[in-house]
């Protein structure tokens, strides 16, 4: 496992860009690396959860504060 952490600020982007950029970032990460994604797209909670499942990654945290969605994802 790796301790690498990457942050993606995707606020303001609309579907499908948050999911596409999250996919691209996860594919570049070392196994066990952590990706923190912040976005405002209301479809992100659905799209990113499905993406994480599809890629075999782990969703460690999902929360929403003042319209900003935060996802903490561990790369497979």
PDB file of N, CA and C in Angstrom:
ATOM      1  N   UNK A   1       0.824  -1.186   0.000  1.00  0.00           N
ATOM      2  CA  UNK A   1       0.000   0.000   0.000  1.00  0.00           C
ATOM      3  C   UNK A   1       0.867   1.247   0.000  1.00  0.00           C
ATOM      4  N   UNK A   2       0.334   2.269  -0.611  1.00  0.00           N
ATOM      5  CA  UNK A   2       1.077   3.514  -0.724  1.00  0.00           C
ATOM      6  C   UNK A   2       0.426   4.595   0.129  1.00  0.00           C
ATOM      7  N   UNK A   3       1.215   5.581   0.538  1.00  0.00           N
ATOM      8  CA  UNK A   3       0.693   6.707   1.296  1.00  0.00           C
ATOM      9  C   UNK A   3       0.455   7.917   0.397  1.00  0.00           C
ATOM     10  N   UNK A   4       0.527   7.728  -0.916  1.00  0.00           N
ATOM     11  CA  UNK A   4       0.354   8.832  -1.854  1.00  0.00           C
ATOM     12  C   UNK A   4      -1.070   9.384  -1.777  1.00  0.00           C
ATOM     13  N   UNK A   5      -1.189  10.708  -1.647  1.00  0.00           N
ATOM     14  CA  UNK A   5      -2.494  11.364  -1.634  1.00  0.00           C
ATOM     15  C   UNK A   5      -2.516  12.426  -2.717  1.00  0.00           C
ATOM     16  N   UNK A   6      -3.591  12.417  -3.494  1.00  0.00           N
ATOM     17  CA  UNK A   6      -3.783  13.380  -4.561  1.00  0.00           C
ATOM     18  C   UNK A   6      -5.132  14.050  -4.351  1.00  0.00           C
ATOM     19  N   UNK A   7      -5.192  15.347  -4.604  1.00  0.00           N
ATOM     20  CA  UNK A   7      -6.450  16.098  -4.486  1.00  0.00           C
ATOM     21  C   UNK A   7      -6.882  16.568  -5.867  1.00  0.00           C
ATOM     22  N   UNK A   8      -8.173  16.438  -6.127  1.00  0.00           N
ATOM     23  CA  UNK A   8      -8.751  16.957  -7.360  1.00  0.00           C
ATOM     24  C   UNK A   8      -9.828  17.978  -6.990  1.00  0.00           C
ATOM     25  N   UNK A   9      -9.680  19.195  -7.463  1.00  0.00           N
ATOM     26  CA  UNK A   9     -10.696  20.220  -7.265  1.00  0.00           C
ATOM     27  C   UNK A   9     -11.490  20.315  -8.563  1.00  0.00           C
ATOM     28  N   UNK A  10     -12.666  19.704  -8.567  1.00  0.00           N
ATOM     29  CA  UNK A  10     -13.495  19.658  -9.763  1.00  0.00           C
ATOM     30  C   UNK A  10     -14.754  20.498  -9.612  1.00  0.00           C
ATOM     31  N   UNK A  11     -14.711  21.435  -8.683  1.00  0.00           N
ATOM     32  CA  UNK A  11     -15.876  22.304  -8.452  1.00  0.00           C
ATOM     33  C   UNK A  11     -16.174  23.109  -9.718  1.00  0.00           C
ATOM     34  N   UNK A  12     -17.458  23.181 -10.043  1.00  0.00           N
ATOM     35  CA  UNK A  12     -17.895  23.933 -11.215  1.00  0.00           C
ATOM     36  C   UNK A  12     -18.028  23.091 -12.473  1.00  0.00           C
ATOM     37  N   UNK A  13     -17.449  21.893 -12.489  1.00  0.00           N
ATOM     38  CA  UNK A  13     -17.564  21.027 -13.660  1.00  0.00           C
ATOM     39  C   UNK A  13     -18.870  20.246 -13.602  1.00  0.00           C
ATOM     40  N   UNK A  14     -19.461  20.005 -14.751  1.00  0.00           N
ATOM     41  CA  UNK A  14     -20.725  19.284 -14.846  1.00  0.00           C
ATOM     42  C   UNK A  14     -20.507  17.889 -15.431  1.00  0.00           C
ATOM     43  N   UNK A  15     -21.464  17.034 -15.187  1.00  0.00           N
ATOM     44  CA  UNK A  15     -21.468  15.660 -15.677  1.00  0.00           C
ATOM     45  C   UNK A  15     -21.218  15.654 -17.184  1.00  0.00           C
ATOM     46  N   UNK A  16     -20.348  14.820 -17.665  1.00  0.00           N
ATOM     47  CA  UNK A  16     -19.661  13.694 -17.031  1.00  0.00           C
ATOM     48  C   UNK A  16     -18.231  14.005 -16.595  1.00  0.00           C
ATOM     49  N   UNK A  17     -17.810  15.268 -16.659  1.00  0.00           N
ATOM     50  CA  UNK A  17     -16.404  15.602 -16.408  1.00  0.00           C
ATOM     51  C   UNK A  17     -15.876  15.175 -15.034  1.00  0.00           C
ATOM     52  N   UNK A  18     -16.605  15.351 -13.926  1.00  0.00           N
ATOM     53  CA  UNK A  18     -16.047  14.899 -12.645  1.00  0.00           C
ATOM     54  C   UNK A  18     -15.725  13.402 -12.632  1.00  0.00           C
ATOM     55  N   UNK A  19     -16.616  12.590 -13.165  1.00  0.00           N
ATOM     56  CA  UNK A  19     -16.367  11.144 -13.193  1.00  0.00           C
ATOM     57  C   UNK A  19     -15.209  10.806 -14.132  1.00  0.00           C
ATOM     58  N   UNK A  20     -15.150  11.444 -15.274  1.00  0.00           N
ATOM     59  CA  UNK A  20     -14.066  11.159 -16.230  1.00  0.00           C
ATOM     60  C   UNK A  20     -12.700  11.541 -15.664  1.00  0.00           C
ATOM     61  N   UNK A  21     -12.630  12.693 -15.028  1.00  0.00           N
ATOM     62  CA  UNK A  21     -11.344  13.131 -14.457  1.00  0.00           C
ATOM     63  C   UNK A  21     -10.959  12.295 -13.239  1.00  0.00           C
ATOM     64  N   UNK A  22     -11.950  11.846 -12.486  1.00  0.00           N
ATOM     65  CA  UNK A  22     -11.674  10.961 -11.354  1.00  0.00           C
ATOM     66  C   UNK A  22     -11.127   9.635 -11.860  1.00  0.00           C
ATOM     67  N   UNK A  23     -11.740   9.085 -12.913  1.00  0.00           N
ATOM     68  CA  UNK A  23     -11.268   7.827 -13.509  1.00  0.00           C
ATOM     69  C   UNK A  23      -9.805   7.962 -13.964  1.00  0.00           C
ATOM     70  N   UNK A  24      -9.521   9.036 -14.658  1.00  0.00           N
ATOM     71  CA  UNK A  24      -8.169   9.264 -15.176  1.00  0.00           C
ATOM     72  C   UNK A  24      -7.152   9.350 -14.031  1.00  0.00           C
ATOM     73  N   UNK A  25      -7.512  10.068 -12.977  1.00  0.00           N
ATOM     74  CA  UNK A  25      -6.604  10.211 -11.830  1.00  0.00           C
ATOM     75  C   UNK A  25      -6.392   8.873 -11.129  1.00  0.00           C
ATOM     76  N   UNK A  26      -7.450   8.093 -10.955  1.00  0.00           N
ATOM     77  CA  UNK A  26      -7.319   6.796 -10.278  1.00  0.00           C
ATOM     78  C   UNK A  26      -6.438   5.837 -11.068  1.00  0.00           C
ATOM     79  N   UNK A  27      -6.534   5.885 -12.375  1.00  0.00           N
ATOM     80  CA  UNK A  27      -5.715   4.990 -13.202  1.00  0.00           C
ATOM     81  C   UNK A  27      -4.230   5.328 -13.115  1.00  0.00           C
ATOM     82  N   UNK A  28      -3.912   6.577 -12.802  1.00  0.00           N
ATOM     83  CA  UNK A  28      -2.507   6.996 -12.698  1.00  0.00           C
ATOM     84  C   UNK A  28      -1.921   6.762 -11.301  1.00  0.00           C
ATOM     85  N   UNK A  29      -2.777   6.480 -10.328  1.00  0.00           N
ATOM     86  CA  UNK A  29      -2.324   6.376  -8.941  1.00  0.00           C
ATOM     87  C   UNK A  29      -1.723   5.006  -8.639  1.00  0.00           C
ATOM     88  N   UNK A  30      -0.774   4.978  -7.717  1.00  0.00           N
ATOM     89  CA  UNK A  30      -0.237   3.688  -7.284  1.00  0.00           C
ATOM     90  C   UNK A  30      -1.282   2.949  -6.444  1.00  0.00           C
ATOM     91  N   UNK A  31      -1.181   1.644  -6.397  1.00  0.00           N
ATOM     92  CA  UNK A  31      -2.101   0.841  -5.588  1.00  0.00           C
ATOM     93  C   UNK A  31      -2.070   1.331  -4.143  1.00  0.00           C
ATOM     94  N   UNK A  32      -3.251   1.528  -3.577  1.00  0.00           N
ATOM     95  CA  UNK A  32      -3.341   1.977  -2.198  1.00  0.00           C
ATOM     96  C   UNK A  32      -3.268   3.475  -2.018  1.00  0.00           C
ATOM     97  N   UNK A  33      -3.016   4.210  -3.096  1.00  0.00           N
ATOM     98  CA  UNK A  33      -2.968   5.669  -3.005  1.00  0.00           C
ATOM     99  C   UNK A  33      -4.346   6.226  -2.711  1.00  0.00           C
ATOM    100  N   UNK A  34      -4.392   7.415  -2.159  1.00  0.00           N
ATOM    101  CA  UNK A  34      -5.654   8.053  -1.794  1.00  0.00           C
ATOM    102  C   UNK A  34      -5.916   9.232  -2.716  1.00  0.00           C
ATOM    103  N   UNK A  35      -7.144   9.270  -3.224  1.00  0.00           N
ATOM    104  CA  UNK A  35      -7.585  10.373  -4.075  1.00  0.00           C
ATOM    105  C   UNK A  35      -8.719  11.090  -3.344  1.00  0.00           C
ATOM    106  N   UNK A  36      -8.571  12.397  -3.164  1.00  0.00           N
ATOM    107  CA  UNK A  36      -9.617  13.208  -2.554  1.00  0.00           C
ATOM    108  C   UNK A  36     -10.201  14.086  -3.649  1.00  0.00           C
ATOM    109  N   UNK A  37     -11.490  13.922  -3.884  1.00  0.00           N
ATOM    110  CA  UNK A  37     -12.177  14.630  -4.954  1.00  0.00           C
ATOM    111  C   UNK A  37     -13.200  15.575  -4.339  1.00  0.00           C
ATOM    112  N   UNK A  38     -13.187  16.832  -4.779  1.00  0.00           N
ATOM    113  CA  UNK A  38     -14.192  17.811  -4.374  1.00  0.00           C
ATOM    114  C   UNK A  38     -14.896  18.307  -5.632  1.00  0.00           C
ATOM    115  N   UNK A  39     -16.230  18.268  -5.613  1.00  0.00           N
ATOM    116  CA  UNK A  39     -16.975  18.742  -6.773  1.00  0.00           C
ATOM    117  C   UNK A  39     -18.346  19.255  -6.355  1.00  0.00           C
ATOM    118  N   UNK A  40     -19.002  19.938  -7.285  1.00  0.00           N
ATOM    119  CA  UNK A  40     -20.310  20.526  -7.010  1.00  0.00           C
ATOM    120  C   UNK A  40     -21.402  19.939  -7.892  1.00  0.00           C
ATOM    121  N   UNK A  41     -21.073  19.064  -8.790  1.00  0.00           N
ATOM    122  CA  UNK A  41     -22.052  18.461  -9.698  1.00  0.00           C
ATOM    123  C   UNK A  41     -23.031  17.601  -8.894  1.00  0.00           C
ATOM    124  N   UNK A  42     -24.332  17.879  -8.971  1.00  0.00           N
ATOM    125  CA  UNK A  42     -25.301  17.122  -8.184  1.00  0.00           C
ATOM    126  C   UNK A  42     -25.391  15.641  -8.563  1.00  0.00           C
ATOM    127  N   UNK A  43     -24.886  15.267  -9.718  1.00  0.00           N
ATOM    128  CA  UNK A  43     -24.889  13.858 -10.120  1.00  0.00           C
ATOM    129  C   UNK A  43     -23.644  13.108  -9.648  1.00  0.00           C
ATOM    130  N   UNK A  44     -22.683  13.823  -9.132  1.00  0.00           N
ATOM    131  CA  UNK A  44     -21.425  13.199  -8.693  1.00  0.00           C
ATOM    132  C   UNK A  44     -21.623  12.105  -7.647  1.00  0.00           C
ATOM    133  N   UNK A  45     -22.497  12.272  -6.664  1.00  0.00           N
ATOM    134  CA  UNK A  45     -22.660  11.190  -5.689  1.00  0.00           C
ATOM    135  C   UNK A  45     -23.082   9.865  -6.324  1.00  0.00           C
ATOM    136  N   UNK A  46     -23.809   9.929  -7.401  1.00  0.00           N
ATOM    137  CA  UNK A  46     -24.201   8.701  -8.110  1.00  0.00           C
ATOM    138  C   UNK A  46     -23.060   8.220  -8.997  1.00  0.00           C
ATOM    139  N   UNK A  47     -22.556   9.122  -9.842  1.00  0.00           N
ATOM    140  CA  UNK A  47     -21.538   8.756 -10.831  1.00  0.00           C
ATOM    141  C   UNK A  47     -20.239   8.268 -10.191  1.00  0.00           C
ATOM    142  N   UNK A  48     -19.760   8.968  -9.192  1.00  0.00           N
ATOM    143  CA  UNK A  48     -18.469   8.612  -8.612  1.00  0.00           C
ATOM    144  C   UNK A  48     -18.573   7.334  -7.793  1.00  0.00           C
ATOM    145  N   UNK A  49     -19.677   7.128  -7.101  1.00  0.00           N
ATOM    146  CA  UNK A  49     -19.860   5.867  -6.361  1.00  0.00           C
ATOM    147  C   UNK A  49     -19.862   4.685  -7.332  1.00  0.00           C
ATOM    148  N   UNK A  50     -20.553   4.808  -8.465  1.00  0.00           N
ATOM    149  CA  UNK A  50     -20.563   3.739  -9.475  1.00  0.00           C
ATOM    150  C   UNK A  50     -19.174   3.535 -10.071  1.00  0.00           C
ATOM    151  N   UNK A  51     -18.466   4.611 -10.334  1.00  0.00           N
ATOM    152  CA  UNK A  51     -17.121   4.531 -10.884  1.00  0.00           C
ATOM    153  C   UNK A  51     -16.181   3.792  -9.936  1.00  0.00           C
ATOM    154  N   UNK A  52     -16.242   4.137  -8.664  1.00  0.00           N
ATOM    155  CA  UNK A  52     -15.387   3.493  -7.659  1.00  0.00           C
ATOM    156  C   UNK A  52     -15.648   1.988  -7.646  1.00  0.00           C
ATOM    157  N   UNK A  53     -16.912   1.610  -7.650  1.00  0.00           N
ATOM    158  CA  UNK A  53     -17.281   0.188  -7.658  1.00  0.00           C
ATOM    159  C   UNK A  53     -16.767  -0.497  -8.922  1.00  0.00           C
ATOM    160  N   UNK A  54     -16.944   0.153 -10.067  1.00  0.00           N
ATOM    161  CA  UNK A  54     -16.529  -0.403 -11.358  1.00  0.00           C
ATOM    162  C   UNK A  54     -15.017  -0.652 -11.409  1.00  0.00           C
ATOM    163  N   UNK A  55     -14.246   0.265 -10.835  1.00  0.00           N
ATOM    164  CA  UNK A  55     -12.784   0.147 -10.883  1.00  0.00           C
ATOM    165  C   UNK A  55     -12.216  -0.730  -9.778  1.00  0.00           C
ATOM    166  N   UNK A  56     -13.043  -1.144  -8.826  1.00  0.00           N
ATOM    167  CA  UNK A  56     -12.552  -1.970  -7.720  1.00  0.00           C
ATOM    168  C   UNK A  56     -11.829  -1.160  -6.655  1.00  0.00           C
ATOM    169  N   UNK A  57     -12.045   0.145  -6.647  1.00  0.00           N
ATOM    170  CA  UNK A  57     -11.444   1.014  -5.630  1.00  0.00           C
ATOM    171  C   UNK A  57     -12.326   0.988  -4.384  1.00  0.00           C
ATOM    172  N   UNK A  58     -11.882   1.660  -3.319  1.00  0.00           N
ATOM    173  CA  UNK A  58     -12.648   1.716  -2.071  1.00  0.00           C
ATOM    174  C   UNK A  58     -13.048   3.156  -1.773  1.00  0.00           C
ATOM    175  N   UNK A  59     -14.330   3.354  -1.512  1.00  0.00           N
ATOM    176  CA  UNK A  59     -14.820   4.668  -1.119  1.00  0.00           C
ATOM    177  C   UNK A  59     -14.741   4.746   0.399  1.00  0.00           C
ATOM    178  N   UNK A  60     -13.776   5.514   0.899  1.00  0.00           N
ATOM    179  CA  UNK A  60     -13.539   5.599   2.342  1.00  0.00           C
ATOM    180  C   UNK A  60     -14.373   6.679   3.012  1.00  0.00           C
ATOM    181  N   UNK A  61     -14.750   7.701   2.248  1.00  0.00           N
ATOM    182  CA  UNK A  61     -15.549   8.780   2.817  1.00  0.00           C
ATOM    183  C   UNK A  61     -16.333   9.454   1.708  1.00  0.00           C
ATOM    184  N   UNK A  62     -17.574   9.822   2.026  1.00  0.00           N
ATOM    185  CA  UNK A  62     -18.417  10.577   1.102  1.00  0.00           C
ATOM    186  C   UNK A  62     -19.248  11.520   1.952  1.00  0.00           C
ATOM    187  N   UNK A  63     -19.124  12.825   1.675  1.00  0.00           N
ATOM    188  CA  UNK A  63     -19.922  13.779   2.435  1.00  0.00           C
ATOM    189  C   UNK A  63     -20.211  15.000   1.585  1.00  0.00           C
ATOM    190  N   UNK A  64     -21.223  15.754   2.034  1.00  0.00           N
ATOM    191  CA  UNK A  64     -21.629  16.965   1.332  1.00  0.00           C
ATOM    192  C   UNK A  64     -21.728  18.089   2.348  1.00  0.00           C
ATOM    193  N   UNK A  65     -21.092  19.207   2.035  1.00  0.00           N
ATOM    194  CA  UNK A  65     -21.139  20.380   2.893  1.00  0.00           C
ATOM    195  C   UNK A  65     -21.374  21.603   2.011  1.00  0.00           C
ATOM    196  N   UNK A  66     -22.474  22.272   2.238  1.00  0.00           N
ATOM    197  CA  UNK A  66     -22.797  23.514   1.518  1.00  0.00           C
ATOM    198  C   UNK A  66     -22.704  23.346   0.000  1.00  0.00           C
ATOM    199  N   UNK A  67     -23.202  22.221  -0.513  1.00  0.00           N
ATOM    200  CA  UNK A  67     -23.216  21.994  -1.953  1.00  0.00           C
ATOM    201  C   UNK A  67     -21.917  21.485  -2.544  1.00  0.00           C
ATOM    202  N   UNK A  68     -20.923  21.229  -1.708  1.00  0.00           N
ATOM    203  CA  UNK A  68     -19.652  20.678  -2.182  1.00  0.00           C
ATOM    204  C   UNK A  68     -19.575  19.226  -1.711  1.00  0.00           C
ATOM    205  N   UNK A  69     -19.390  18.334  -2.660  1.00  0.00           N
ATOM    206  CA  UNK A  69     -19.280  16.902  -2.378  1.00  0.00           C
ATOM    207  C   UNK A  69     -17.810  16.532  -2.255  1.00  0.00           C
ATOM    208  N   UNK A  70     -17.488  15.795  -1.211  1.00  0.00           N
ATOM    209  CA  UNK A  70     -16.118  15.343  -0.999  1.00  0.00           C
ATOM    210  C   UNK A  70     -16.117  13.825  -0.982  1.00  0.00           C
ATOM    211  N   UNK A  71     -15.189  13.230  -1.749  1.00  0.00           N
ATOM    212  CA  UNK A  71     -15.015  11.790  -1.820  1.00  0.00           C
ATOM    213  C   UNK A  71     -13.571  11.463  -1.490  1.00  0.00           C
ATOM    214  N   UNK A  72     -13.369  10.511  -0.618  1.00  0.00           N
ATOM    215  CA  UNK A  72     -12.024  10.000  -0.310  1.00  0.00           C
ATOM    216  C   UNK A  72     -11.996   8.579  -0.841  1.00  0.00           C
ATOM    217  N   UNK A  73     -11.159   8.356  -1.838  1.00  0.00           N
ATOM    218  CA  UNK A  73     -11.122   7.085  -2.559  1.00  0.00           C
ATOM    219  C   UNK A  73      -9.737   6.480  -2.465  1.00  0.00           C
ATOM    220  N   UNK A  74      -9.689   5.170  -2.161  1.00  0.00           N
ATOM    221  CA  UNK A  74      -8.406   4.465  -2.133  1.00  0.00           C
ATOM    222  C   UNK A  74      -8.300   3.651  -3.432  1.00  0.00           C
ATOM    223  N   UNK A  75      -7.217   3.868  -4.164  1.00  0.00           N
ATOM    224  CA  UNK A  75      -7.002   3.198  -5.453  1.00  0.00           C
ATOM    225  C   UNK A  75      -6.791   1.698  -5.231  1.00  0.00           C
ATOM    226  N   UNK A  76      -7.270   0.906  -6.188  1.00  0.00           N
ATOM    227  CA  UNK A  76      -7.108  -0.557  -6.071  1.00  0.00           C
ATOM    228  C   UNK A  76      -5.666  -0.997  -6.264  1.00  0.00           C
TER     229      UNK A  76
END
